[in-house]
Amino acid sequence: MDAKLGWLAPDGTLIEADWGSHTTVAETIISHRGWDYEFASLLYTNQRDFLCDKGYCLLHDPGRNDIQATHIRPLTKFQRDFLFDYFEELGDKRKAKHYLVDEF
């Protein structure tokens, strides 16, 4: 499996974003969800923080060799299930096992 990067929604849906394009994709998600005004009025420093605060999880590879799942809110069961399968398919059993816990 090639590693797919992007935004993992609370319902477990991955919105793909190529490496380096997560901000552009975040802007699209915010717009499509009708959160433009809320984002602008809350003085968030960036789209990433805003989406993470909305329960999204960012799958990114800042070092280009170590995929990270960044989130602020506790992950939903859908997100944990997705991440378990995702890291299992990548062969990273240590990270996959991390998402088996119920409380995050």
PDB file of N, CA and C in Angstrom:
ATOM      1  N   MET A   1       0.849  -1.185   0.000  1.00  0.00           N
ATOM      2  CA  MET A   1       0.000   0.000   0.000  1.00  0.00           C
ATOM      3  C   MET A   1       0.891   1.243   0.000  1.00  0.00           C
ATOM      4  N   ASP A   2       0.598   2.151  -0.899  1.00  0.00           N
ATOM      5  CA  ASP A   2       1.263   3.445  -0.855  1.00  0.00           C
ATOM      6  C   ASP A   2       0.608   4.257   0.252  1.00  0.00           C
ATOM      7  N   ALA A   3       1.402   4.973   0.995  1.00  0.00           N
ATOM      8  CA  ALA A   3       0.875   5.783   2.086  1.00  0.00           C
ATOM      9  C   ALA A   3       0.057   6.937   1.531  1.00  0.00           C
ATOM     10  N   LYS A   4      -1.184   7.002   1.930  1.00  0.00           N
ATOM     11  CA  LYS A   4      -2.041   8.120   1.557  1.00  0.00           C
ATOM     12  C   LYS A   4      -2.017   9.103   2.716  1.00  0.00           C
ATOM     13  N   LEU A   5      -1.899  10.366   2.392  1.00  0.00           N
ATOM     14  CA  LEU A   5      -1.864  11.422   3.386  1.00  0.00           C
ATOM     15  C   LEU A   5      -3.115  12.266   3.243  1.00  0.00           C
ATOM     16  N   GLY A   6      -3.466  13.012   4.278  1.00  0.00           N
ATOM     17  CA  GLY A   6      -4.612  13.899   4.191  1.00  0.00           C
ATOM     18  C   GLY A   6      -5.311  14.065   5.522  1.00  0.00           C
ATOM     19  N   TRP A   7      -6.580  14.426   5.429  1.00  0.00           N
ATOM     20  CA  TRP A   7      -7.402  14.722   6.593  1.00  0.00           C
ATOM     21  C   TRP A   7      -8.361  13.580   6.854  1.00  0.00           C
ATOM     22  N   LEU A   8      -8.316  13.033   8.065  1.00  0.00           N
ATOM     23  CA  LEU A   8      -9.220  11.959   8.463  1.00  0.00           C
ATOM     24  C   LEU A   8     -10.380  12.568   9.242  1.00  0.00           C
ATOM     25  N   ALA A   9     -11.566  12.504   8.644  1.00  0.00           N
ATOM     26  CA  ALA A   9     -12.760  13.088   9.254  1.00  0.00           C
ATOM     27  C   ALA A   9     -13.216  12.239  10.441  1.00  0.00           C
ATOM     28  N   PRO A  10     -14.016  12.816  11.327  1.00  0.00           N
ATOM     29  CA  PRO A  10     -14.523  12.060  12.473  1.00  0.00           C
ATOM     30  C   PRO A  10     -15.303  10.799  12.089  1.00  0.00           C
ATOM     31  N   ASP A  11     -15.880  10.769  10.883  1.00  0.00           N
ATOM     32  CA  ASP A  11     -16.614   9.575  10.441  1.00  0.00           C
ATOM     33  C   ASP A  11     -15.708   8.512   9.825  1.00  0.00           C
ATOM     34  N   GLY A  12     -14.384   8.744   9.836  1.00  0.00           N
ATOM     35  CA  GLY A  12     -13.430   7.772   9.320  1.00  0.00           C
ATOM     36  C   GLY A  12     -13.125   7.894   7.842  1.00  0.00           C
ATOM     37  N   THR A  13     -13.624   8.935   7.201  1.00  0.00           N
ATOM     38  CA  THR A  13     -13.368   9.168   5.785  1.00  0.00           C
ATOM     39  C   THR A  13     -12.059   9.938   5.623  1.00  0.00           C
ATOM     40  N   LEU A  14     -11.188   9.444   4.752  1.00  0.00           N
ATOM     41  CA  LEU A  14      -9.940  10.143   4.474  1.00  0.00           C
ATOM     42  C   LEU A  14     -10.123  11.052   3.266  1.00  0.00           C
ATOM     43  N   ILE A  15      -9.842  12.338   3.462  1.00  0.00           N
ATOM     44  CA  ILE A  15      -9.824  13.303   2.369  1.00  0.00           C
ATOM     45  C   ILE A  15      -8.349  13.468   2.024  1.00  0.00           C
ATOM     46  N   GLU A  16      -7.950  12.909   0.902  1.00  0.00           N
ATOM     47  CA  GLU A  16      -6.535  12.860   0.558  1.00  0.00           C
ATOM     48  C   GLU A  16      -5.967  14.239   0.250  1.00  0.00           C
ATOM     49  N   ALA A  17      -4.697  14.393   0.649  1.00  0.00           N
ATOM     50  CA  ALA A  17      -3.948  15.618   0.378  1.00  0.00           C
ATOM     51  C   ALA A  17      -2.511  15.198   0.102  1.00  0.00           C
ATOM     52  N   ASP A  18      -2.023  15.521  -1.070  1.00  0.00           N
ATOM     53  CA  ASP A  18      -0.634  15.212  -1.389  1.00  0.00           C
ATOM     54  C   ASP A  18       0.287  15.888  -0.394  1.00  0.00           C
ATOM     55  N   TRP A  19       1.516  15.361  -0.309  1.00  0.00           N
ATOM     56  CA  TRP A  19       2.508  15.940   0.590  1.00  0.00           C
ATOM     57  C   TRP A  19       2.650  17.431   0.311  1.00  0.00           C
ATOM     58  N   GLY A  20       2.542  18.232   1.368  1.00  0.00           N
ATOM     59  CA  GLY A  20       2.699  19.674   1.242  1.00  0.00           C
ATOM     60  C   GLY A  20       1.438  20.433   0.869  1.00  0.00           C
ATOM     61  N   SER A  21       0.309  19.729   0.667  1.00  0.00           N
ATOM     62  CA  SER A  21      -0.909  20.425   0.250  1.00  0.00           C
ATOM     63  C   SER A  21      -2.014  20.370   1.306  1.00  0.00           C
ATOM     64  N   HIS A  22      -1.681  20.004   2.544  1.00  0.00           N
ATOM     65  CA  HIS A  22      -2.735  19.841   3.544  1.00  0.00           C
ATOM     66  C   HIS A  22      -3.432  21.159   3.892  1.00  0.00           C
ATOM     67  N   THR A  23      -2.739  22.281   3.780  1.00  0.00           N
ATOM     68  CA  THR A  23      -3.385  23.562   4.072  1.00  0.00           C
ATOM     69  C   THR A  23      -4.429  23.900   3.010  1.00  0.00           C
ATOM     70  N   THR A  24      -4.082  23.676   1.751  1.00  0.00           N
ATOM     71  CA  THR A  24      -5.031  23.935   0.659  1.00  0.00           C
ATOM     72  C   THR A  24      -6.261  23.046   0.785  1.00  0.00           C
ATOM     73  N   VAL A  25      -6.045  21.777   1.097  1.00  0.00           N
ATOM     74  CA  VAL A  25      -7.171  20.851   1.267  1.00  0.00           C
ATOM     75  C   VAL A  25      -7.997  21.248   2.493  1.00  0.00           C
ATOM     76  N   ALA A  26      -7.332  21.692   3.558  1.00  0.00           N
ATOM     77  CA  ALA A  26      -8.047  22.151   4.756  1.00  0.00           C
ATOM     78  C   ALA A  26      -8.958  23.330   4.412  1.00  0.00           C
ATOM     79  N   GLU A  27      -8.456  24.260   3.619  1.00  0.00           N
ATOM     80  CA  GLU A  27      -9.272  25.403   3.196  1.00  0.00           C
ATOM     81  C   GLU A  27     -10.515  24.936   2.447  1.00  0.00           C
ATOM     82  N   THR A  28     -10.342  23.927   1.599  1.00  0.00           N
ATOM     83  CA  THR A  28     -11.477  23.379   0.844  1.00  0.00           C
ATOM     84  C   THR A  28     -12.491  22.730   1.779  1.00  0.00           C
ATOM     85  N   ILE A  29     -12.015  21.960   2.741  1.00  0.00           N
ATOM     86  CA  ILE A  29     -12.926  21.313   3.707  1.00  0.00           C
ATOM     87  C   ILE A  29     -13.692  22.373   4.486  1.00  0.00           C
ATOM     88  N   ILE A  30     -12.989  23.376   4.982  1.00  0.00           N
ATOM     89  CA  ILE A  30     -13.634  24.446   5.755  1.00  0.00           C
ATOM     90  C   ILE A  30     -14.709  25.124   4.919  1.00  0.00           C
ATOM     91  N   SER A  31     -14.408  25.398   3.672  1.00  0.00           N
ATOM     92  CA  SER A  31     -15.372  26.046   2.784  1.00  0.00           C
ATOM     93  C   SER A  31     -16.573  25.138   2.501  1.00  0.00           C
ATOM     94  N   HIS A  32     -16.309  23.879   2.179  1.00  0.00           N
ATOM     95  CA  HIS A  32     -17.395  22.945   1.859  1.00  0.00           C
ATOM     96  C   HIS A  32     -18.297  22.684   3.060  1.00  0.00           C
ATOM     97  N   ARG A  33     -17.743  22.750   4.255  1.00  0.00           N
ATOM     98  CA  ARG A  33     -18.535  22.528   5.467  1.00  0.00           C
ATOM     99  C   ARG A  33     -19.257  23.800   5.920  1.00  0.00           C
ATOM    100  N   GLY A  34     -18.999  24.916   5.245  1.00  0.00           N
ATOM    101  CA  GLY A  34     -19.644  26.174   5.598  1.00  0.00           C
ATOM    102  C   GLY A  34     -19.067  26.816   6.850  1.00  0.00           C
ATOM    103  N   TRP A  35     -17.806  26.549   7.136  1.00  0.00           N
ATOM    104  CA  TRP A  35     -17.156  27.050   8.342  1.00  0.00           C
ATOM    105  C   TRP A  35     -16.283  28.280   8.087  1.00  0.00           C
ATOM    106  N   ASP A  36     -16.388  28.899   6.924  1.00  0.00           N
ATOM    107  CA  ASP A  36     -15.543  30.056   6.596  1.00  0.00           C
ATOM    108  C   ASP A  36     -15.676  31.179   7.626  1.00  0.00           C
ATOM    109  N   TYR A  37     -16.902  31.544   7.922  1.00  0.00           N
ATOM    110  CA  TYR A  37     -17.133  32.649   8.856  1.00  0.00           C
ATOM    111  C   TYR A  37     -16.622  32.297  10.251  1.00  0.00           C
ATOM    112  N   GLU A  38     -16.926  31.078  10.688  1.00  0.00           N
ATOM    113  CA  GLU A  38     -16.474  30.640  12.012  1.00  0.00           C
ATOM    114  C   GLU A  38     -14.943  30.646  12.091  1.00  0.00           C
ATOM    115  N   PHE A  39     -14.303  30.138  11.056  1.00  0.00           N
ATOM    116  CA  PHE A  39     -12.833  30.124  11.036  1.00  0.00           C
ATOM    117  C   PHE A  39     -12.280  31.540  11.143  1.00  0.00           C
ATOM    118  N   ALA A  40     -12.833  32.444  10.359  1.00  0.00           N
ATOM    119  CA  ALA A  40     -12.343  33.825  10.349  1.00  0.00           C
ATOM    120  C   ALA A  40     -12.617  34.540  11.668  1.00  0.00           C
ATOM    121  N   SER A  41     -13.737  34.210  12.305  1.00  0.00           N
ATOM    122  CA  SER A  41     -14.115  34.947  13.515  1.00  0.00           C
ATOM    123  C   SER A  41     -13.429  34.430  14.778  1.00  0.00           C
ATOM    124  N   LEU A  42     -12.878  33.237  14.749  1.00  0.00           N
ATOM    125  CA  LEU A  42     -12.301  32.653  15.960  1.00  0.00           C
ATOM    126  C   LEU A  42     -10.809  32.901  16.120  1.00  0.00           C
ATOM    127  N   LEU A  43     -10.220  33.585  15.196  1.00  0.00           N
ATOM    128  CA  LEU A  43      -8.812  33.961  15.281  1.00  0.00           C
ATOM    129  C   LEU A  43      -7.876  32.762  15.421  1.00  0.00           C
ATOM    130  N   TYR A  44      -8.191  31.674  14.731  1.00  0.00           N
ATOM    131  CA  TYR A  44      -7.272  30.541  14.687  1.00  0.00           C
ATOM    132  C   TYR A  44      -6.025  30.958  13.919  1.00  0.00           C
ATOM    133  N   THR A  45      -4.902  30.402  14.320  1.00  0.00           N
ATOM    134  CA  THR A  45      -3.667  30.773  13.638  1.00  0.00           C
ATOM    135  C   THR A  45      -3.555  30.107  12.279  1.00  0.00           C
ATOM    136  N   ASN A  46      -4.188  28.949  12.113  1.00  0.00           N
ATOM    137  CA  ASN A  46      -4.129  28.280  10.813  1.00  0.00           C
ATOM    138  C   ASN A  46      -5.283  27.295  10.656  1.00  0.00           C
ATOM    139  N   GLN A  47      -5.461  26.848   9.429  1.00  0.00           N
ATOM    140  CA  GLN A  47      -6.547  25.928   9.099  1.00  0.00           C
ATOM    141  C   GLN A  47      -6.352  24.573   9.780  1.00  0.00           C
ATOM    142  N   ARG A  48      -5.102  24.165   9.944  1.00  0.00           N
ATOM    143  CA  ARG A  48      -4.821  22.874  10.578  1.00  0.00           C
ATOM    144  C   ARG A  48      -5.366  22.838  11.996  1.00  0.00           C
ATOM    145  N   ASP A  49      -5.068  23.863  12.791  1.00  0.00           N
ATOM    146  CA  ASP A  49      -5.564  23.901  14.161  1.00  0.00           C
ATOM    147  C   ASP A  49      -7.089  23.895  14.195  1.00  0.00           C
ATOM    148  N   PHE A  50      -7.705  24.644  13.282  1.00  0.00           N
ATOM    149  CA  PHE A  50      -9.160  24.725  13.237  1.00  0.00           C
ATOM    150  C   PHE A  50      -9.768  23.352  12.965  1.00  0.00           C
ATOM    151  N   LEU A  51      -9.272  22.662  11.931  1.00  0.00           N
ATOM    152  CA  LEU A  51      -9.836  21.349  11.611  1.00  0.00           C
ATOM    153  C   LEU A  51      -9.574  20.333  12.715  1.00  0.00           C
ATOM    154  N   CYS A  52      -8.394  20.374  13.295  1.00  0.00           N
ATOM    155  CA  CYS A  52      -8.115  19.448  14.404  1.00  0.00           C
ATOM    156  C   CYS A  52      -9.062  19.712  15.570  1.00  0.00           C
ATOM    157  N   ASP A  53      -9.377  20.980  15.815  1.00  0.00           N
ATOM    158  CA  ASP A  53     -10.316  21.324  16.877  1.00  0.00           C
ATOM    159  C   ASP A  53     -11.735  20.861  16.537  1.00  0.00           C
ATOM    160  N   LYS A  54     -12.021  20.696  15.259  1.00  0.00           N
ATOM    161  CA  LYS A  54     -13.322  20.185  14.813  1.00  0.00           C
ATOM    162  C   LYS A  54     -13.370  18.651  14.826  1.00  0.00           C
ATOM    163  N   GLY A  55     -12.276  18.023  15.241  1.00  0.00           N
ATOM    164  CA  GLY A  55     -12.261  16.568  15.341  1.00  0.00           C
ATOM    165  C   GLY A  55     -11.570  15.856  14.201  1.00  0.00           C
ATOM    166  N   TYR A  56     -10.988  16.598  13.287  1.00  0.00           N
ATOM    167  CA  TYR A  56     -10.254  15.986  12.186  1.00  0.00           C
ATOM    168  C   TYR A  56      -8.867  15.582  12.668  1.00  0.00           C
ATOM    169  N   CYS A  57      -8.287  14.618  11.986  1.00  0.00           N
ATOM    170  CA  CYS A  57      -6.945  14.134  12.276  1.00  0.00           C
ATOM    171  C   CYS A  57      -6.124  14.275  10.996  1.00  0.00           C
ATOM    172  N   LEU A  58      -4.957  14.861  11.107  1.00  0.00           N
ATOM    173  CA  LEU A  58      -4.103  15.064   9.945  1.00  0.00           C
ATOM    174  C   LEU A  58      -3.099  13.919   9.833  1.00  0.00           C
ATOM    175  N   LEU A  59      -3.147  13.219   8.716  1.00  0.00           N
ATOM    176  CA  LEU A  59      -2.134  12.209   8.398  1.00  0.00           C
ATOM    177  C   LEU A  59      -1.101  12.901   7.523  1.00  0.00           C
ATOM    178  N   HIS A  60       0.091  13.057   8.067  1.00  0.00           N
ATOM    179  CA  HIS A  60       1.128  13.778   7.338  1.00  0.00           C
ATOM    180  C   HIS A  60       2.478  13.127   7.580  1.00  0.00           C
ATOM    181  N   ASP A  61       3.426  13.543   6.786  1.00  0.00           N
ATOM    182  CA  ASP A  61       4.758  12.947   6.823  1.00  0.00           C
ATOM    183  C   ASP A  61       5.789  14.066   6.838  1.00  0.00           C
ATOM    184  N   PRO A  62       5.936  14.716   7.995  1.00  0.00           N
ATOM    185  CA  PRO A  62       6.824  15.882   8.041  1.00  0.00           C
ATOM    186  C   PRO A  62       8.279  15.570   7.724  1.00  0.00           C
ATOM    187  N   GLY A  63       8.710  14.357   8.031  1.00  0.00           N
ATOM    188  CA  GLY A  63      10.085  13.986   7.740  1.00  0.00           C
ATOM    189  C   GLY A  63      10.213  13.196   6.461  1.00  0.00           C
ATOM    190  N   ARG A  64       9.100  12.971   5.810  1.00  0.00           N
ATOM    191  CA  ARG A  64       8.989  12.219   4.563  1.00  0.00           C
ATOM    192  C   ARG A  64       9.383  10.756   4.731  1.00  0.00           C
ATOM    193  N   ASN A  65       9.463  10.279   5.947  1.00  0.00           N
ATOM    194  CA  ASN A  65       9.719   8.870   6.194  1.00  0.00           C
ATOM    195  C   ASN A  65       9.057   8.371   7.466  1.00  0.00           C
ATOM    196  N   ASP A  66       8.219   9.190   8.084  1.00  0.00           N
ATOM    197  CA  ASP A  66       7.586   8.813   9.344  1.00  0.00           C
ATOM    198  C   ASP A  66       6.194   9.426   9.423  1.00  0.00           C
ATOM    199  N   ILE A  67       5.198   8.699   8.993  1.00  0.00           N
ATOM    200  CA  ILE A  67       3.833   9.221   8.952  1.00  0.00           C
ATOM    201  C   ILE A  67       3.316   9.440  10.369  1.00  0.00           C
ATOM    202  N   GLN A  68       2.725  10.607  10.566  1.00  0.00           N
ATOM    203  CA  GLN A  68       2.174  10.998  11.854  1.00  0.00           C
ATOM    204  C   GLN A  68       0.671  11.211  11.726  1.00  0.00           C
ATOM    205  N   ALA A  69      -0.045  10.933  12.804  1.00  0.00           N
ATOM    206  CA  ALA A  69      -1.475  11.211  12.896  1.00  0.00           C
ATOM    207  C   ALA A  69      -1.635  12.282  13.974  1.00  0.00           C
ATOM    208  N   THR A  70      -1.869  13.519  13.542  1.00  0.00           N
ATOM    209  CA  THR A  70      -1.946  14.647  14.460  1.00  0.00           C
ATOM    210  C   THR A  70      -3.399  15.010  14.711  1.00  0.00           C
ATOM    211  N   HIS A  71      -3.754  15.089  15.994  1.00  0.00           N
ATOM    212  CA  HIS A  71      -5.124  15.457  16.362  1.00  0.00           C
ATOM    213  C   HIS A  71      -5.105  16.192  17.687  1.00  0.00           C
ATOM    214  N   ILE A  72      -6.177  16.931  17.951  1.00  0.00           N
ATOM    215  CA  ILE A  72      -6.337  17.646  19.210  1.00  0.00           C
ATOM    216  C   ILE A  72      -7.406  16.952  20.052  1.00  0.00           C
ATOM    217  N   ARG A  73      -8.527  16.678  19.445  1.00  0.00           N
ATOM    218  CA  ARG A  73      -9.656  16.043  20.128  1.00  0.00           C
ATOM    219  C   ARG A  73      -9.428  14.537  20.206  1.00  0.00           C
ATOM    220  N   PRO A  74     -10.095  13.875  21.146  1.00  0.00           N
ATOM    221  CA  PRO A  74     -10.011  12.413  21.167  1.00  0.00           C
ATOM    222  C   PRO A  74     -10.498  11.842  19.833  1.00  0.00           C
ATOM    223  N   LEU A  75      -9.837  10.799  19.370  1.00  0.00           N
ATOM    224  CA  LEU A  75     -10.227  10.164  18.108  1.00  0.00           C
ATOM    225  C   LEU A  75     -11.532   9.409  18.286  1.00  0.00           C
ATOM    226  N   THR A  76     -12.336   9.406  17.235  1.00  0.00           N
ATOM    227  CA  THR A  76     -13.568   8.616  17.254  1.00  0.00           C
ATOM    228  C   THR A  76     -13.216   7.147  16.999  1.00  0.00           C
ATOM    229  N   LYS A  77     -14.166   6.284  17.256  1.00  0.00           N
ATOM    230  CA  LYS A  77     -13.955   4.865  16.962  1.00  0.00           C
ATOM    231  C   LYS A  77     -13.681   4.680  15.470  1.00  0.00           C
ATOM    232  N   PHE A  78     -14.373   5.434  14.625  1.00  0.00           N
ATOM    233  CA  PHE A  78     -14.160   5.342  13.178  1.00  0.00           C
ATOM    234  C   PHE A  78     -12.725   5.709  12.807  1.00  0.00           C
ATOM    235  N   GLN A  79     -12.225   6.764  13.419  1.00  0.00           N
ATOM    236  CA  GLN A  79     -10.850   7.183  13.146  1.00  0.00           C
ATOM    237  C   GLN A  79      -9.847   6.146  13.661  1.00  0.00           C
ATOM    238  N   ARG A  80     -10.073   5.632  14.883  1.00  0.00           N
ATOM    239  CA  ARG A  80      -9.157   4.619  15.424  1.00  0.00           C
ATOM    240  C   ARG A  80      -9.148   3.372  14.559  1.00  0.00           C
ATOM    241  N   ASP A  81     -10.328   2.939  14.096  1.00  0.00           N
ATOM    242  CA  ASP A  81     -10.407   1.760  13.220  1.00  0.00           C
ATOM    243  C   ASP A  81      -9.651   2.005  11.920  1.00  0.00           C
ATOM    244  N   PHE A  82      -9.856   3.186  11.336  1.00  0.00           N
ATOM    245  CA  PHE A  82      -9.158   3.524  10.100  1.00  0.00           C
ATOM    246  C   PHE A  82      -7.651   3.498  10.321  1.00  0.00           C
ATOM    247  N   LEU A  83      -7.189   4.151  11.386  1.00  0.00           N
ATOM    248  CA  LEU A  83      -5.757   4.253  11.645  1.00  0.00           C
ATOM    249  C   LEU A  83      -5.134   2.893  11.952  1.00  0.00           C
ATOM    250  N   PHE A  84      -5.856   2.040  12.650  1.00  0.00           N
ATOM    251  CA  PHE A  84      -5.350   0.689  12.902  1.00  0.00           C
ATOM    252  C   PHE A  84      -5.108  -0.024  11.576  1.00  0.00           C
ATOM    253  N   ASP A  85      -6.129  -0.037  10.710  1.00  0.00           N
ATOM    254  CA  ASP A  85      -5.999  -0.703   9.404  1.00  0.00           C
ATOM    255  C   ASP A  85      -4.917  -0.046   8.555  1.00  0.00           C
ATOM    256  N   TYR A  86      -4.866   1.266   8.573  1.00  0.00           N
ATOM    257  CA  TYR A  86      -3.909   2.043   7.783  1.00  0.00           C
ATOM    258  C   TYR A  86      -2.475   1.651   8.135  1.00  0.00           C
ATOM    259  N   PHE A  87      -2.154   1.686   9.423  1.00  0.00           N
ATOM    260  CA  PHE A  87      -0.789   1.373   9.825  1.00  0.00           C
ATOM    261  C   PHE A  87      -0.478  -0.116   9.700  1.00  0.00           C
ATOM    262  N   GLU A  88      -1.482  -0.978   9.876  1.00  0.00           N
ATOM    263  CA  GLU A  88      -1.280  -2.416   9.638  1.00  0.00           C
ATOM    264  C   GLU A  88      -0.887  -2.649   8.181  1.00  0.00           C
ATOM    265  N   GLU A  89      -1.608  -2.017   7.259  1.00  0.00           N
ATOM    266  CA  GLU A  89      -1.316  -2.190   5.836  1.00  0.00           C
ATOM    267  C   GLU A  89       0.054  -1.634   5.462  1.00  0.00           C
ATOM    268  N   LEU A  90       0.509  -0.631   6.203  1.00  0.00           N
ATOM    269  CA  LEU A  90       1.842  -0.081   5.957  1.00  0.00           C
ATOM    270  C   LEU A  90       2.936  -0.924   6.612  1.00  0.00           C
ATOM    271  N   GLY A  91       2.509  -1.909   7.403  1.00  0.00           N
ATOM    272  CA  GLY A  91       3.475  -2.776   8.070  1.00  0.00           C
ATOM    273  C   GLY A  91       4.020  -2.210   9.366  1.00  0.00           C
ATOM    274  N   ASP A  92       3.397  -1.163   9.890  1.00  0.00           N
ATOM    275  CA  ASP A  92       3.838  -0.566  11.150  1.00  0.00           C
ATOM    276  C   ASP A  92       2.924  -1.051  12.271  1.00  0.00           C
ATOM    277  N   LYS A  93       3.189  -2.248  12.733  1.00  0.00           N
ATOM    278  CA  LYS A  93       2.339  -2.876  13.752  1.00  0.00           C
ATOM    279  C   LYS A  93       2.367  -2.124  15.079  1.00  0.00           C
ATOM    280  N   ARG A  94       3.490  -1.485  15.404  1.00  0.00           N
ATOM    281  CA  ARG A  94       3.585  -0.719  16.646  1.00  0.00           C
ATOM    282  C   ARG A  94       2.584   0.438  16.644  1.00  0.00           C
ATOM    283  N   LYS A  95       2.558   1.190  15.556  1.00  0.00           N
ATOM    284  CA  LYS A  95       1.600   2.297  15.475  1.00  0.00           C
ATOM    285  C   LYS A  95       0.172   1.773  15.389  1.00  0.00           C
ATOM    286  N   ALA A  96      -0.043   0.701  14.644  1.00  0.00           N
ATOM    287  CA  ALA A  96      -1.389   0.143  14.512  1.00  0.00           C
ATOM    288  C   ALA A  96      -1.936  -0.242  15.879  1.00  0.00           C
ATOM    289  N   LYS A  97      -1.133  -0.912  16.666  1.00  0.00           N
ATOM    290  CA  LYS A  97      -1.559  -1.380  17.995  1.00  0.00           C
ATOM    291  C   LYS A  97      -1.960  -0.210  18.886  1.00  0.00           C
ATOM    292  N   HIS A  98      -1.317   0.906  18.703  1.00  0.00           N
ATOM    293  CA  HIS A  98      -1.606   2.109  19.483  1.00  0.00           C
ATOM    294  C   HIS A  98      -3.075   2.525  19.361  1.00  0.00           C
ATOM    295  N   TYR A  99      -3.704   2.232  18.224  1.00  0.00           N
ATOM    296  CA  TYR A  99      -5.075   2.675  17.976  1.00  0.00           C
ATOM    297  C   TYR A  99      -6.129   1.655  18.394  1.00  0.00           C
ATOM    298  N   LEU A 100      -5.718   0.589  19.064  1.00  0.00           N
ATOM    299  CA  LEU A 100      -6.666  -0.396  19.575  1.00  0.00           C
ATOM    300  C   LEU A 100      -7.333   0.057  20.861  1.00  0.00           C
ATOM    301  N   VAL A 101      -6.759   1.024  21.543  1.00  0.00           N
ATOM    302  CA  VAL A 101      -7.309   1.465  22.820  1.00  0.00           C
ATOM    303  C   VAL A 101      -8.602   2.232  22.604  1.00  0.00           C
ATOM    304  N   ASP A 102      -9.511   2.118  23.569  1.00  0.00           N
ATOM    305  CA  ASP A 102     -10.794   2.801  23.456  1.00  0.00           C
ATOM    306  C   ASP A 102     -10.727   4.274  23.849  1.00  0.00           C
ATOM    307  N   GLU A 103      -9.898   4.596  24.809  1.00  0.00           N
ATOM    308  CA  GLU A 103      -9.819   5.987  25.243  1.00  0.00           C
ATOM    309  C   GLU A 103      -8.576   6.617  24.652  1.00  0.00           C
ATOM    310  N   PHE A 104      -8.788   7.727  24.024  1.00  0.00           N
ATOM    311  CA  PHE A 104      -7.657   8.389  23.361  1.00  0.00           C
ATOM    312  C   PHE A 104      -7.613   9.831  23.746  1.00  0.00           C
TER     313      PHE A 104
END
